[in-house]
Amino acid sequence: MGFQKSIGLNELYWWRMHDHKHLADVMELAKRLIPHAELIFIASIDDDWFQMWQVSDENSPLAVARSGIPAEESYCKYLYDRPGLDILSLPDSAKHPYFSALPATQKGAVRSYVGAPLSLMDGAVSGTICAVHSQPGQFGVETESALKSFAGLLSRFLQMEELAIRDETSACYNRNFLHILLEYWSDDREYTLILYDIDDFKSVNDDFGHEAGDEAIAWIGHTLTDEYAGQLVLRLGGDEFCVLTDEADEVAIRTSVARVASQLARFPRRPLQFSVGVAGGPLRQFGKWMRMADAAMYRVKSKGKNDLEIVPREAPEIP
């Protein structure tokens, strides 16, 4: 399935925005921008399900069933499937060959619709902001232009938030994001932590300069995110990276580490090597198995580096 799919990273992001009251402030501005809308909402699609995170009217029939809606039944799915489309405007959805078949249209809840995507730095759609009305012809060109501009501003705010949780050099998530993750998702689901520490990284900076060091960090980040697509890759700091994955099979883990080793050996300046510690368990005990993976990694370094050690799941923590 993949860590990102199972943990719902985009969903986690929106929960944080909701809890920090950012979305409530945004909605107050949106209501002033489009006062004649029957409902304005901010929504996202995760794991093929549609969810409204903030609505302008909690008593709206559409807002009552704000989650647990299949993505295929939502208007927003159209925006998700068409990256680059900056506005979707429907004067009368009942006359549209696609939208006329959606439940909200057939029930008469939505006839006028205008929506815009909320995009992250890589252009991926993270959410949408939309306005709807049960009567046709309610939103004109001025509303479309205003919502598009507002969505652009909100997207830039989201991108600034994203900068706080991503490492610029490696393009991986950073330690700050790990703290957020554990704040929201500390449960009994089991994952594996693969802790990578680059051997003798200081010599890259010493021999080739700090620019080469940045190139190496970028190379490592790209290698790990490519190898562990769908998993969570973080740069913890310096030359230390970790991968959170739902893969528990030891053979598969060793195979993936070997592929990473092969790719890092191709770094143009000089081959890069690393020491690896692996541990795993329930997410609520992350601190425990992070320490175990770290200890395993340092045991590898003490024995000559450039190897890995996998700590058995049932192994006790060594003080």
Protein backbone atom coordinates (compact mmCIF):
# COMPACT_ATOMS: atom_id res chain seq x y z
CA MET A 1 0.00 0.00 0.00
CA GLY A 2 2.76 2.45 0.93
CA PHE A 3 3.21 4.59 4.04
CA GLN A 4 1.85 7.78 2.51
CA LYS A 5 -1.30 5.99 1.33
CA SER A 6 -1.92 4.22 4.63
CA ILE A 7 -1.15 7.15 6.91
CA GLY A 8 -2.91 9.78 4.79
CA LEU A 9 -0.30 12.53 4.70
CA ASN A 10 -2.51 14.98 2.83
CA GLU A 11 -5.30 14.26 5.30
CA LEU A 12 -2.86 14.87 8.16
CA TYR A 13 -1.94 18.21 6.60
CA TRP A 14 -5.59 19.34 6.47
CA TRP A 15 -6.30 18.17 10.01
CA ARG A 16 -3.47 20.40 11.20
CA MET A 17 -4.79 23.36 9.22
CA HIS A 18 -8.25 22.76 10.66
CA ASP A 19 -7.06 22.43 14.26
CA HIS A 20 -5.01 25.63 14.05
CA LYS A 21 -8.16 27.54 13.03
CA HIS A 22 -6.54 28.69 9.77
CA LEU A 23 -9.44 27.37 7.71
CA ALA A 24 -12.05 29.17 9.81
CA ASP A 25 -10.29 32.48 9.15
CA VAL A 26 -10.10 31.70 5.44
CA MET A 27 -13.80 30.88 5.33
CA GLU A 28 -14.76 34.20 6.89
CA LEU A 29 -12.95 35.98 4.06
CA ALA A 30 -14.51 33.70 1.43
CA LYS A 31 -18.02 34.44 2.74
CA ARG A 32 -17.41 38.16 2.23
CA LEU A 33 -16.01 37.49 -1.22
CA ILE A 34 -19.00 35.42 -2.41
CA PRO A 35 -21.91 36.46 -0.14
CA HIS A 36 -24.64 35.07 -2.41
CA ALA A 37 -23.38 31.46 -2.35
CA GLU A 38 -25.60 29.01 -0.46
CA LEU A 39 -22.52 27.07 0.57
CA ILE A 40 -18.78 27.63 0.34
CA PHE A 41 -16.48 24.80 1.32
CA ILE A 42 -12.82 23.81 1.47
CA ALA A 43 -12.33 20.14 0.70
CA SER A 44 -9.80 17.46 -0.18
CA ILE A 45 -9.75 13.98 -1.65
CA ASP A 46 -7.71 11.30 0.09
CA ASP A 47 -7.62 7.60 -0.68
CA ASP A 48 -10.57 8.02 -3.11
CA TRP A 49 -12.78 9.69 -0.48
CA PHE A 50 -14.04 13.27 -0.47
CA GLN A 51 -14.10 15.36 2.71
CA MET A 52 -15.15 18.93 3.50
CA TRP A 53 -12.79 20.50 6.03
CA GLN A 54 -14.51 23.85 6.44
CA VAL A 55 -17.98 25.03 5.39
CA SER A 56 -19.70 28.40 5.42
CA ASP A 57 -22.97 26.97 6.76
CA GLU A 58 -22.97 23.99 9.10
CA ASN A 59 -26.74 23.58 8.64
CA SER A 60 -26.58 23.18 4.88
CA PRO A 61 -27.86 19.75 3.71
CA LEU A 62 -24.65 19.35 1.73
CA ALA A 63 -22.53 20.08 4.81
CA VAL A 64 -24.27 17.48 6.97
CA ALA A 65 -22.73 14.64 4.95
CA ARG A 66 -19.32 16.28 4.71
CA SER A 67 -17.21 13.11 4.81
CA GLY A 68 -17.41 9.50 3.70
CA ILE A 69 -18.39 10.52 0.18
CA PRO A 70 -16.80 8.57 -2.71
CA ALA A 71 -14.54 10.88 -4.69
CA GLU A 72 -16.26 9.90 -7.94
CA GLU A 73 -19.47 11.49 -6.64
CA SER A 74 -17.83 14.86 -5.98
CA TYR A 75 -17.45 17.86 -8.25
CA CYS A 76 -13.91 18.34 -6.92
CA LYS A 77 -12.68 15.09 -8.48
CA TYR A 78 -12.81 16.87 -11.84
CA LEU A 79 -10.24 19.43 -10.60
CA TYR A 80 -8.01 16.74 -9.09
CA ASP A 81 -7.94 14.86 -12.38
CA ARG A 82 -6.95 17.95 -14.38
CA PRO A 83 -3.82 19.56 -12.90
CA GLY A 84 -3.36 22.98 -14.44
CA LEU A 85 -7.07 23.77 -14.61
CA ASP A 86 -7.32 26.91 -12.48
CA ILE A 87 -11.11 27.30 -12.33
CA LEU A 88 -14.19 25.16 -12.95
CA SER A 89 -17.42 27.08 -13.49
CA LEU A 90 -20.80 25.49 -14.19
CA PRO A 91 -23.74 27.84 -14.83
CA ASP A 92 -26.11 24.84 -14.79
CA SER A 93 -24.68 21.46 -13.84
CA ALA A 94 -27.95 19.75 -14.81
CA LYS A 95 -27.16 20.52 -18.45
CA HIS A 96 -23.60 19.17 -18.32
CA PRO A 97 -23.09 15.60 -19.63
CA TYR A 98 -20.78 14.64 -16.75
CA PHE A 99 -22.00 16.63 -13.75
CA SER A 100 -25.70 16.03 -14.43
CA ALA A 101 -25.19 12.41 -13.34
CA LEU A 102 -23.73 13.26 -9.93
CA PRO A 103 -25.97 12.68 -6.87
CA ALA A 104 -25.78 16.32 -5.70
CA THR A 105 -27.06 17.47 -9.08
CA GLN A 106 -29.81 14.88 -9.34
CA LYS A 107 -31.05 15.77 -5.86
CA GLY A 108 -31.23 19.44 -6.86
CA ALA A 109 -28.71 20.50 -4.21
CA VAL A 110 -26.21 21.86 -6.75
CA ARG A 111 -27.05 23.63 -10.01
CA SER A 112 -24.50 26.46 -9.97
CA TYR A 113 -20.90 25.58 -9.11
CA VAL A 114 -17.58 27.39 -9.17
CA GLY A 115 -14.42 25.82 -7.77
CA ALA A 116 -10.65 26.28 -7.85
CA PRO A 117 -7.76 23.98 -6.92
CA LEU A 118 -5.39 24.57 -4.00
CA SER A 119 -1.95 23.55 -5.18
CA LEU A 120 1.35 22.68 -3.52
CA MET A 121 4.81 23.68 -4.75
CA ASP A 122 5.08 20.78 -7.20
CA GLY A 123 1.71 21.63 -8.73
CA ALA A 124 -0.11 18.73 -7.10
CA VAL A 125 -3.68 19.47 -6.06
CA SER A 126 -3.95 19.31 -2.27
CA GLY A 127 -7.52 20.57 -1.94
CA THR A 128 -10.23 22.77 -3.42
CA ILE A 129 -12.28 25.82 -2.50
CA CYS A 130 -15.76 25.85 -4.00
CA ALA A 131 -19.05 27.76 -3.97
CA VAL A 132 -22.41 26.22 -4.85
CA HIS A 133 -26.06 27.23 -5.25
CA SER A 134 -29.22 25.19 -5.80
CA GLN A 135 -30.39 27.54 -8.58
CA PRO A 136 -28.68 27.85 -11.98
CA GLY A 137 -26.88 30.94 -13.24
CA GLN A 138 -25.78 32.31 -9.85
CA PHE A 139 -22.06 32.85 -10.45
CA GLY A 140 -20.69 35.13 -13.15
CA VAL A 141 -17.29 36.12 -14.46
CA GLU A 142 -16.58 38.37 -11.47
CA THR A 143 -17.13 35.49 -9.04
CA GLU A 144 -14.90 33.21 -11.12
CA SER A 145 -12.11 35.80 -11.19
CA ALA A 146 -12.38 36.53 -7.46
CA LEU A 147 -12.36 32.85 -6.48
CA LYS A 148 -9.42 32.09 -8.77
CA SER A 149 -7.39 34.92 -7.23
CA PHE A 150 -8.38 33.88 -3.71
CA ALA A 151 -7.42 30.26 -4.41
CA GLY A 152 -4.05 31.47 -5.70
CA LEU A 153 -3.40 33.37 -2.47
CA LEU A 154 -4.49 30.40 -0.36
CA SER A 155 -2.26 28.09 -2.40
CA ARG A 156 0.71 30.33 -1.70
CA PHE A 157 -0.10 30.19 2.01
CA LEU A 158 -0.21 26.38 1.82
CA GLN A 159 3.11 26.40 -0.01
CA MET A 160 4.66 28.52 2.76
CA GLU A 161 3.37 26.00 5.28
CA GLU A 162 4.88 23.26 3.15
CA LEU A 163 8.27 24.99 3.24
CA ALA A 164 8.25 24.67 7.03
CA ILE A 165 8.00 20.89 6.83
CA ARG A 166 10.34 20.20 3.91
CA ASP A 167 14.11 20.34 3.66
CA GLU A 168 15.04 22.59 0.76
CA THR A 169 18.29 20.86 -0.23
CA SER A 170 17.05 17.26 -0.30
CA ALA A 171 13.36 18.01 -1.03
CA CYS A 172 12.50 15.47 1.69
CA TYR A 173 10.26 16.06 4.69
CA ASN A 174 12.13 17.33 7.75
CA ARG A 175 12.17 16.60 11.46
CA ASN A 176 9.47 19.21 12.06
CA PHE A 177 7.09 17.19 9.92
CA LEU A 178 7.96 14.05 11.87
CA HIS A 179 6.87 15.78 15.10
CA ILE A 180 3.58 16.78 13.46
CA LEU A 181 3.04 13.24 12.18
CA LEU A 182 3.53 11.71 15.61
CA GLU A 183 1.24 14.31 17.18
CA TYR A 184 -1.66 13.21 14.98
CA TRP A 185 -0.94 9.56 14.22
CA SER A 186 0.37 7.74 17.29
CA ASP A 187 -1.51 4.46 17.16
CA ASP A 188 -0.93 0.69 16.94
CA ARG A 189 -0.28 0.49 13.21
CA GLU A 190 3.16 -1.04 12.70
CA TYR A 191 5.85 0.43 10.49
CA THR A 192 9.54 -0.01 9.83
CA LEU A 193 12.17 2.71 10.27
CA ILE A 194 15.23 2.54 8.03
CA LEU A 195 17.84 4.97 9.34
CA TYR A 196 20.56 6.01 6.88
CA ASP A 197 23.71 7.82 8.03
CA ILE A 198 26.24 8.69 5.33
CA ASP A 199 29.76 7.53 6.13
CA ASP A 200 32.55 10.14 6.17
CA PHE A 201 30.31 12.82 4.71
CA LYS A 202 32.54 15.57 6.07
CA SER A 203 35.23 14.54 3.60
CA VAL A 204 32.94 15.47 0.69
CA ASN A 205 32.78 19.04 1.96
CA ASP A 206 36.49 19.07 2.82
CA ASP A 207 37.65 17.68 -0.53
CA PHE A 208 35.19 19.27 -2.95
CA GLY A 209 33.60 22.21 -1.11
CA HIS A 210 30.19 22.86 0.44
CA GLU A 211 28.49 23.11 -2.94
CA ALA A 212 29.46 19.49 -3.55
CA GLY A 213 28.05 18.65 -0.13
CA ASP A 214 24.71 20.14 -1.13
CA GLU A 215 24.85 18.20 -4.40
CA ALA A 216 25.40 15.01 -2.41
CA ILE A 217 22.45 15.74 -0.11
CA ALA A 218 20.24 16.36 -3.14
CA TRP A 219 21.49 13.14 -4.76
CA ILE A 220 20.71 11.17 -1.61
CA GLY A 221 17.26 12.74 -1.27
CA HIS A 222 16.38 11.95 -4.88
CA THR A 223 17.70 8.40 -4.57
CA LEU A 224 15.70 7.66 -1.43
CA THR A 225 12.44 9.22 -2.62
CA ASP A 226 12.77 7.33 -5.91
CA GLU A 227 13.48 4.00 -4.22
CA TYR A 228 10.82 4.44 -1.55
CA ALA A 229 8.08 5.98 -3.67
CA GLY A 230 4.87 6.08 -1.66
CA GLN A 231 6.76 5.80 1.64
CA LEU A 232 7.84 8.65 3.91
CA VAL A 233 11.41 9.88 3.48
CA LEU A 234 12.81 12.46 5.91
CA ARG A 235 16.08 14.28 6.32
CA LEU A 236 16.58 14.40 10.07
CA GLY A 237 19.53 16.76 9.79
CA GLY A 238 23.07 16.82 8.45
CA ASP A 239 23.78 13.57 6.64
CA GLU A 240 21.11 11.55 8.47
CA PHE A 241 17.98 10.38 6.64
CA CYS A 242 15.21 8.00 7.60
CA VAL A 243 12.49 6.12 5.79
CA LEU A 244 9.17 5.13 7.36
CA THR A 245 7.66 2.24 5.46
CA ASP A 246 4.97 -0.39 5.93
CA GLU A 247 7.38 -3.00 4.53
CA ALA A 248 8.29 -5.53 7.25
CA ASP A 249 9.91 -8.28 5.18
CA GLU A 250 13.64 -8.45 5.95
CA VAL A 251 14.61 -9.67 2.49
CA ALA A 252 12.70 -6.84 0.82
CA ILE A 253 14.31 -4.30 3.16
CA ARG A 254 17.81 -5.58 2.42
CA THR A 255 17.09 -5.55 -1.30
CA SER A 256 15.94 -1.94 -1.20
CA VAL A 257 19.01 -0.89 0.80
CA ALA A 258 21.23 -2.64 -1.76
CA ARG A 259 19.57 -0.70 -4.59
CA VAL A 260 20.14 2.56 -2.71
CA ALA A 261 23.81 1.60 -2.20
CA SER A 262 24.20 0.97 -5.92
CA GLN A 263 22.76 4.37 -6.82
CA LEU A 264 24.74 6.33 -4.20
CA ALA A 265 27.93 4.71 -5.47
CA ARG A 266 27.27 6.55 -8.75
CA PHE A 267 27.52 10.03 -7.20
CA PRO A 268 29.78 11.94 -9.63
CA ARG A 269 32.20 13.42 -7.07
CA ARG A 270 32.99 10.11 -5.38
CA PRO A 271 31.04 7.01 -4.30
CA LEU A 272 28.86 7.58 -1.25
CA GLN A 273 28.51 4.89 1.40
CA PHE A 274 26.32 4.65 4.47
CA SER A 275 25.61 2.83 7.71
CA VAL A 276 22.03 1.68 8.26
CA GLY A 277 20.02 0.74 11.33
CA VAL A 278 16.56 -0.79 10.99
CA ALA A 279 13.87 -1.24 13.65
CA GLY A 280 10.10 -1.19 13.76
CA GLY A 281 6.91 -1.49 15.73
CA PRO A 282 3.69 0.37 16.50
CA LEU A 283 3.72 4.08 15.73
CA ARG A 284 2.86 4.97 19.33
CA GLN A 285 6.25 3.53 20.36
CA PHE A 286 8.16 5.40 17.69
CA GLY A 287 10.62 6.93 20.16
CA LYS A 288 11.62 3.47 21.36
CA TRP A 289 12.37 1.98 17.97
CA MET A 290 13.98 5.18 16.74
CA ARG A 291 16.50 4.76 19.55
CA MET A 292 16.94 1.08 18.64
CA ALA A 293 17.56 1.88 14.97
CA ASP A 294 20.00 4.62 15.96
CA ALA A 295 21.90 2.26 18.25
CA ALA A 296 22.02 -0.36 15.47
CA MET A 297 23.38 2.20 13.04
CA TYR A 298 26.15 3.21 15.44
CA ARG A 299 27.05 -0.46 15.98
CA VAL A 300 27.51 -0.73 12.22
CA LYS A 301 29.79 2.32 12.26
CA SER A 302 31.86 0.89 15.10
CA LYS A 303 32.37 -2.34 13.13
CA GLY A 304 33.69 -0.67 9.99
CA LYS A 305 30.72 1.19 8.44
CA ASN A 306 29.05 0.60 5.04
CA ASP A 307 26.64 -2.08 6.25
CA LEU A 308 23.25 -2.49 7.91
CA GLU A 309 21.81 -4.07 11.03
CA ILE A 310 18.15 -5.05 11.39
CA VAL A 311 16.82 -5.19 14.95
CA PRO A 312 14.25 -7.99 15.39
CA ARG A 313 10.76 -6.73 16.28
CA GLU A 314 10.73 -8.71 19.52
CA ALA A 315 14.17 -7.52 20.65
CA PRO A 316 14.27 -5.55 23.93
CA GLU A 317 15.67 -2.04 23.96
CA ILE A 318 19.28 -1.98 25.13
CA PRO A 319 19.95 0.89 27.59
